[in-house]
Amino acid sequence: MPDYNKLLTPGNIDEGWVNGIVDIPEGSSLKIEYDRAHGIFILDRVEANIFPKPVNYGFIPATKDTDGDELDILLICHEPIPTGVLVKSKIIGIFNFEDDGDMDYKIVCVPIDDRNTGDSIQSLDDLNKRWKQKIEFHFAHYKDLKKPGTTKVLGWGNIEDAKKIIRECITRYNKEGFTK
């Protein structure tokens, strides 16, 4: 399998889209992670099945978040997207989250060509309140059985907030890269 960080760009932030690689399909309780040293996806752990991912979960290649990993994405689609699939994704906002005391941003995206919704989701304002509540609940509690109190939801940000964090993570990746 390729090193996505060397093969792909993050996307075109000015035009409002990123390349997203799916780690965990929506509905899965398997914590699958990209192992960049070997260019494969690995099963890191099996989460309690009461906390399946409420949305497709992945990363933006050639970025580095403050937690030392690629910048995460939450990719909204009407069905699960398999592990390893590249999705050209429209940026619609950001979910601000803290994990074990470290910021762990999640860029919220939709497929750039979503004919199922008629491309109707353009920003976080187009999502209903219940969807946001489910995301907040999941991330506030998914580690409670193993490490209670280690996650903190810090709210939502708009498209410009998301672009700012993406640019910071691109700069960090370009300066530091990844050690294997």
C-alpha atoms as a PDB file:
ATOM      1  CA  MET A   1       0.000   0.000   0.000  1.00  0.00           C
ATOM      2  CA  PRO A   2       1.279   3.512  -0.692  1.00  0.00           C
ATOM      3  CA  ASP A   3       2.320   6.234   1.731  1.00  0.00           C
ATOM      4  CA  TYR A   4      -0.662   8.543   1.274  1.00  0.00           C
ATOM      5  CA  ASN A   5       1.350  11.422   2.743  1.00  0.00           C
ATOM      6  CA  LYS A   6       3.822  11.221  -0.139  1.00  0.00           C
ATOM      7  CA  LEU A   7       1.383  10.186  -2.868  1.00  0.00           C
ATOM      8  CA  LEU A   8      -1.375  12.776  -2.299  1.00  0.00           C
ATOM      9  CA  THR A   9      -1.669  16.464  -1.545  1.00  0.00           C
ATOM     10  CA  PRO A  10      -4.010  17.687   1.192  1.00  0.00           C
ATOM     11  CA  GLY A  11      -6.258  19.156  -1.529  1.00  0.00           C
ATOM     12  CA  ASN A  12      -7.050  22.728  -2.472  1.00  0.00           C
ATOM     13  CA  ILE A  13      -7.907  24.578   0.699  1.00  0.00           C
ATOM     14  CA  ASP A  14      -8.556  27.904  -1.083  1.00  0.00           C
ATOM     15  CA  GLU A  15     -11.180  26.170  -3.244  1.00  0.00           C
ATOM     16  CA  GLY A  16     -12.664  24.533  -0.136  1.00  0.00           C
ATOM     17  CA  TRP A  17     -11.849  20.849  -0.606  1.00  0.00           C
ATOM     18  CA  VAL A  18      -9.478  18.252   0.818  1.00  0.00           C
ATOM     19  CA  ASN A  19      -8.437  14.728  -0.006  1.00  0.00           C
ATOM     20  CA  GLY A  20      -9.833  12.457   2.683  1.00  0.00           C
ATOM     21  CA  ILE A  21      -8.748   8.878   3.345  1.00  0.00           C
ATOM     22  CA  VAL A  22     -11.245   6.776   5.304  1.00  0.00           C
ATOM     23  CA  ASP A  23      -9.917   4.816   8.289  1.00  0.00           C
ATOM     24  CA  ILE A  24     -13.167   3.770   9.969  1.00  0.00           C
ATOM     25  CA  PRO A  25     -16.498   3.347   8.169  1.00  0.00           C
ATOM     26  CA  GLU A  26     -19.596   4.753   9.824  1.00  0.00           C
ATOM     27  CA  GLY A  27     -21.183   2.167  12.132  1.00  0.00           C
ATOM     28  CA  SER A  28     -17.963   0.300  12.897  1.00  0.00           C
ATOM     29  CA  SER A  29     -16.643  -0.270  16.404  1.00  0.00           C
ATOM     30  CA  LEU A  30     -13.235  -1.285  15.039  1.00  0.00           C
ATOM     31  CA  LYS A  31     -10.517   1.327  15.679  1.00  0.00           C
ATOM     32  CA  ILE A  32      -8.640   1.095  12.393  1.00  0.00           C
ATOM     33  CA  GLU A  33      -5.590   3.305  11.914  1.00  0.00           C
ATOM     34  CA  TYR A  34      -3.265   4.022   9.023  1.00  0.00           C
ATOM     35  CA  ASP A  35       0.231   2.724   9.784  1.00  0.00           C
ATOM     36  CA  ARG A  36       2.365   5.088   7.691  1.00  0.00           C
ATOM     37  CA  ALA A  37       5.597   3.188   8.463  1.00  0.00           C
ATOM     38  CA  HIS A  38       4.275   0.098   6.667  1.00  0.00           C
ATOM     39  CA  GLY A  39       1.727   1.706   4.334  1.00  0.00           C
ATOM     40  CA  ILE A  40      -1.142  -0.419   5.650  1.00  0.00           C
ATOM     41  CA  PHE A  41      -4.252  -0.079   7.775  1.00  0.00           C
ATOM     42  CA  ILE A  42      -4.138  -1.906  11.097  1.00  0.00           C
ATOM     43  CA  LEU A  43      -6.698  -2.824  13.707  1.00  0.00           C
ATOM     44  CA  ASP A  44      -5.561  -0.851  16.740  1.00  0.00           C
ATOM     45  CA  ARG A  45      -8.328  -2.080  19.039  1.00  0.00           C
ATOM     46  CA  VAL A  46     -11.942  -3.164  19.225  1.00  0.00           C
ATOM     47  CA  GLU A  47     -14.100  -0.528  20.891  1.00  0.00           C
ATOM     48  CA  ALA A  48     -17.222  -1.377  22.881  1.00  0.00           C
ATOM     49  CA  ASN A  49     -19.994  -1.942  20.356  1.00  0.00           C
ATOM     50  CA  ILE A  50     -22.160   0.567  22.195  1.00  0.00           C
ATOM     51  CA  PHE A  51     -19.928   3.269  20.653  1.00  0.00           C
ATOM     52  CA  PRO A  52     -19.795   2.650  16.895  1.00  0.00           C
ATOM     53  CA  LYS A  53     -18.525   5.579  14.831  1.00  0.00           C
ATOM     54  CA  PRO A  54     -21.518   7.822  14.063  1.00  0.00           C
ATOM     55  CA  VAL A  55     -19.850   9.077  10.858  1.00  0.00           C
ATOM     56  CA  ASN A  56     -17.103   7.979   8.459  1.00  0.00           C
ATOM     57  CA  TYR A  57     -13.766   8.820  10.089  1.00  0.00           C
ATOM     58  CA  GLY A  58     -10.442   9.414   8.388  1.00  0.00           C
ATOM     59  CA  PHE A  59      -7.565  11.780   7.736  1.00  0.00           C
ATOM     60  CA  ILE A  60      -6.158  14.389   5.368  1.00  0.00           C
ATOM     61  CA  PRO A  61      -2.827  13.269   3.877  1.00  0.00           C
ATOM     62  CA  ALA A  62       0.265  15.488   4.108  1.00  0.00           C
ATOM     63  CA  THR A  63      -0.994  17.185   7.285  1.00  0.00           C
ATOM     64  CA  LYS A  64       0.153  16.902  10.900  1.00  0.00           C
ATOM     65  CA  ASP A  65      -2.092  17.865  13.795  1.00  0.00           C
ATOM     66  CA  THR A  66      -0.793  18.878  17.231  1.00  0.00           C
ATOM     67  CA  ASP A  67      -1.351  15.288  18.455  1.00  0.00           C
ATOM     68  CA  GLY A  68       1.349  14.092  16.025  1.00  0.00           C
ATOM     69  CA  ASP A  69      -1.004  12.315  13.610  1.00  0.00           C
ATOM     70  CA  GLU A  70      -2.559  13.363  10.332  1.00  0.00           C
ATOM     71  CA  LEU A  71      -5.465  15.802  10.704  1.00  0.00           C
ATOM     72  CA  ASP A  72      -8.746  13.929  11.250  1.00  0.00           C
ATOM     73  CA  ILE A  73     -11.898  14.244   9.179  1.00  0.00           C
ATOM     74  CA  LEU A  74     -15.517  13.404   9.887  1.00  0.00           C
ATOM     75  CA  LEU A  75     -16.964  12.542   6.471  1.00  0.00           C
ATOM     76  CA  ILE A  76     -20.739  12.709   6.195  1.00  0.00           C
ATOM     77  CA  CYS A  77     -22.290  10.354   3.648  1.00  0.00           C
ATOM     78  CA  HIS A  78     -25.570   8.431   3.532  1.00  0.00           C
ATOM     79  CA  GLU A  79     -23.707   5.134   3.893  1.00  0.00           C
ATOM     80  CA  PRO A  80     -20.434   3.751   5.248  1.00  0.00           C
ATOM     81  CA  ILE A  81     -17.335   4.266   3.094  1.00  0.00           C
ATOM     82  CA  PRO A  82     -14.801   1.402   3.198  1.00  0.00           C
ATOM     83  CA  THR A  83     -11.372   1.707   4.792  1.00  0.00           C
ATOM     84  CA  GLY A  84      -8.684   3.081   2.468  1.00  0.00           C
ATOM     85  CA  VAL A  85     -10.998   4.890   0.061  1.00  0.00           C
ATOM     86  CA  LEU A  86      -9.937   8.356  -1.128  1.00  0.00           C
ATOM     87  CA  VAL A  87     -12.791  10.883  -1.122  1.00  0.00           C
ATOM     88  CA  LYS A  88     -12.510  14.368  -2.599  1.00  0.00           C
ATOM     89  CA  SER A  89     -14.276  16.194   0.232  1.00  0.00           C
ATOM     90  CA  LYS A  90     -15.886  19.610   0.656  1.00  0.00           C
ATOM     91  CA  ILE A  91     -14.973  21.386   3.896  1.00  0.00           C
ATOM     92  CA  ILE A  92     -18.096  22.417   5.837  1.00  0.00           C
ATOM     93  CA  GLY A  93     -16.668  23.181   9.306  1.00  0.00           C
ATOM     94  CA  ILE A  94     -14.639  21.911  12.238  1.00  0.00           C
ATOM     95  CA  PHE A  95     -15.318  19.991  15.441  1.00  0.00           C
ATOM     96  CA  ASN A  96     -13.040  21.159  18.257  1.00  0.00           C
ATOM     97  CA  PHE A  97     -12.091  18.322  20.567  1.00  0.00           C
ATOM     98  CA  GLU A  98      -9.554  17.560  23.273  1.00  0.00           C
ATOM     99  CA  ASP A  99      -8.211  14.050  23.902  1.00  0.00           C
ATOM    100  CA  ASP A 100      -5.933  13.309  26.851  1.00  0.00           C
ATOM    101  CA  GLY A 101      -5.169  17.028  27.187  1.00  0.00           C
ATOM    102  CA  ASP A 102      -4.179  17.467  23.501  1.00  0.00           C
ATOM    103  CA  MET A 103      -6.178  19.300  20.873  1.00  0.00           C
ATOM    104  CA  ASP A 104      -7.497  16.780  18.352  1.00  0.00           C
ATOM    105  CA  TYR A 105      -9.332  18.730  15.661  1.00  0.00           C
ATOM    106  CA  LYS A 106     -11.789  17.039  13.312  1.00  0.00           C
ATOM    107  CA  ILE A 107     -12.543  18.666   9.964  1.00  0.00           C
ATOM    108  CA  VAL A 108     -16.170  18.074   8.977  1.00  0.00           C
ATOM    109  CA  CYS A 109     -16.657  17.272   5.292  1.00  0.00           C
ATOM    110  CA  VAL A 110     -19.056  15.880   2.718  1.00  0.00           C
ATOM    111  CA  PRO A 111     -18.211  14.257  -0.623  1.00  0.00           C
ATOM    112  CA  ILE A 112     -17.681  17.016  -3.167  1.00  0.00           C
ATOM    113  CA  ASP A 113     -20.147  15.339  -5.561  1.00  0.00           C
ATOM    114  CA  ASP A 114     -23.088  14.134  -3.459  1.00  0.00           C
ATOM    115  CA  ARG A 115     -25.964  13.476  -5.828  1.00  0.00           C
ATOM    116  CA  ASN A 116     -27.946  11.785  -3.048  1.00  0.00           C
ATOM    117  CA  THR A 117     -28.413  15.125  -1.263  1.00  0.00           C
ATOM    118  CA  GLY A 118     -28.107  17.246  -4.392  1.00  0.00           C
ATOM    119  CA  ASP A 119     -25.011  18.815  -2.811  1.00  0.00           C
ATOM    120  CA  SER A 120     -27.357  20.475  -0.320  1.00  0.00           C
ATOM    121  CA  ILE A 121     -24.906  20.418   2.606  1.00  0.00           C
ATOM    122  CA  GLN A 122     -22.692  23.480   2.242  1.00  0.00           C
ATOM    123  CA  SER A 123     -21.892  24.300   5.892  1.00  0.00           C
ATOM    124  CA  LEU A 124     -22.535  23.096   9.435  1.00  0.00           C
ATOM    125  CA  ASP A 125     -25.698  25.211   9.412  1.00  0.00           C
ATOM    126  CA  ASP A 126     -27.192  22.691   6.959  1.00  0.00           C
ATOM    127  CA  LEU A 127     -26.912  19.875   9.527  1.00  0.00           C
ATOM    128  CA  ASN A 128     -29.648  19.352  12.047  1.00  0.00           C
ATOM    129  CA  LYS A 129     -29.138  19.904  15.760  1.00  0.00           C
ATOM    130  CA  ARG A 130     -29.565  16.185  16.544  1.00  0.00           C
ATOM    131  CA  TRP A 131     -26.668  15.201  14.223  1.00  0.00           C
ATOM    132  CA  LYS A 132     -24.339  17.567  16.091  1.00  0.00           C
ATOM    133  CA  GLN A 133     -25.593  16.276  19.461  1.00  0.00           C
ATOM    134  CA  LYS A 134     -24.816  12.679  18.425  1.00  0.00           C
ATOM    135  CA  ILE A 135     -21.268  13.631  17.399  1.00  0.00           C
ATOM    136  CA  GLU A 136     -20.730  15.528  20.647  1.00  0.00           C
ATOM    137  CA  PHE A 137     -22.102  12.648  22.734  1.00  0.00           C
ATOM    138  CA  HIS A 138     -19.994  10.044  20.940  1.00  0.00           C
ATOM    139  CA  PHE A 139     -16.714  11.902  21.349  1.00  0.00           C
ATOM    140  CA  ALA A 140     -17.497  12.967  24.925  1.00  0.00           C
ATOM    141  CA  HIS A 141     -18.098   9.359  26.025  1.00  0.00           C
ATOM    142  CA  TYR A 142     -16.514   6.794  23.678  1.00  0.00           C
ATOM    143  CA  LYS A 143     -13.513   6.308  25.991  1.00  0.00           C
ATOM    144  CA  ASP A 144     -15.523   6.230  29.236  1.00  0.00           C
ATOM    145  CA  LEU A 145     -15.274   2.451  29.719  1.00  0.00           C
ATOM    146  CA  LYS A 146     -11.461   2.480  29.529  1.00  0.00           C
ATOM    147  CA  LYS A 147     -10.318   6.044  30.333  1.00  0.00           C
ATOM    148  CA  PRO A 148     -13.219   8.084  31.739  1.00  0.00           C
ATOM    149  CA  GLY A 149     -12.917  11.860  31.698  1.00  0.00           C
ATOM    150  CA  THR A 150     -10.095  12.010  29.123  1.00  0.00           C
ATOM    151  CA  THR A 151     -12.090  13.594  26.300  1.00  0.00           C
ATOM    152  CA  LYS A 152     -13.627  17.037  26.091  1.00  0.00           C
ATOM    153  CA  VAL A 153     -15.916  18.545  23.441  1.00  0.00           C
ATOM    154  CA  LEU A 154     -14.981  22.184  22.806  1.00  0.00           C
ATOM    155  CA  GLY A 155     -17.591  23.111  20.191  1.00  0.00           C
ATOM    156  CA  TRP A 156     -17.865  23.799  16.492  1.00  0.00           C
ATOM    157  CA  GLY A 157     -16.274  26.201  14.043  1.00  0.00           C
ATOM    158  CA  ASN A 158     -17.123  27.410  10.551  1.00  0.00           C
ATOM    159  CA  ILE A 159     -15.433  26.779   7.200  1.00  0.00           C
ATOM    160  CA  GLU A 160     -12.850  29.533   7.687  1.00  0.00           C
ATOM    161  CA  ASP A 161     -11.957  28.148  11.120  1.00  0.00           C
ATOM    162  CA  ALA A 162     -11.461  24.723   9.507  1.00  0.00           C
ATOM    163  CA  LYS A 163      -9.296  26.141   6.700  1.00  0.00           C
ATOM    164  CA  LYS A 164      -7.075  27.911   9.255  1.00  0.00           C
ATOM    165  CA  ILE A 165      -6.414  24.649  11.135  1.00  0.00           C
ATOM    166  CA  ILE A 166      -5.827  22.723   7.882  1.00  0.00           C
ATOM    167  CA  ARG A 167      -3.254  25.305   6.769  1.00  0.00           C
ATOM    168  CA  GLU A 168      -1.498  25.093  10.166  1.00  0.00           C
ATOM    169  CA  CYS A 169      -1.377  21.298   9.870  1.00  0.00           C
ATOM    170  CA  ILE A 170       0.019  21.484   6.315  1.00  0.00           C
ATOM    171  CA  THR A 171       2.740  23.872   7.510  1.00  0.00           C
ATOM    172  CA  ARG A 172       3.564  21.600  10.458  1.00  0.00           C
ATOM    173  CA  TYR A 173       3.784  18.562   8.140  1.00  0.00           C
ATOM    174  CA  ASN A 174       6.028  20.437   5.688  1.00  0.00           C
ATOM    175  CA  LYS A 175       8.362  21.501   8.522  1.00  0.00           C
ATOM    176  CA  GLU A 176       8.394  18.296  10.590  1.00  0.00           C
ATOM    177  CA  GLY A 177       7.107  15.443   8.439  1.00  0.00           C
ATOM    178  CA  PHE A 178       6.693  12.088  10.156  1.00  0.00           C
ATOM    179  CA  THR A 179       9.289   9.793  11.616  1.00  0.00           C
ATOM    180  CA  LYS A 180       8.589   6.135  10.972  1.00  0.00           C
END
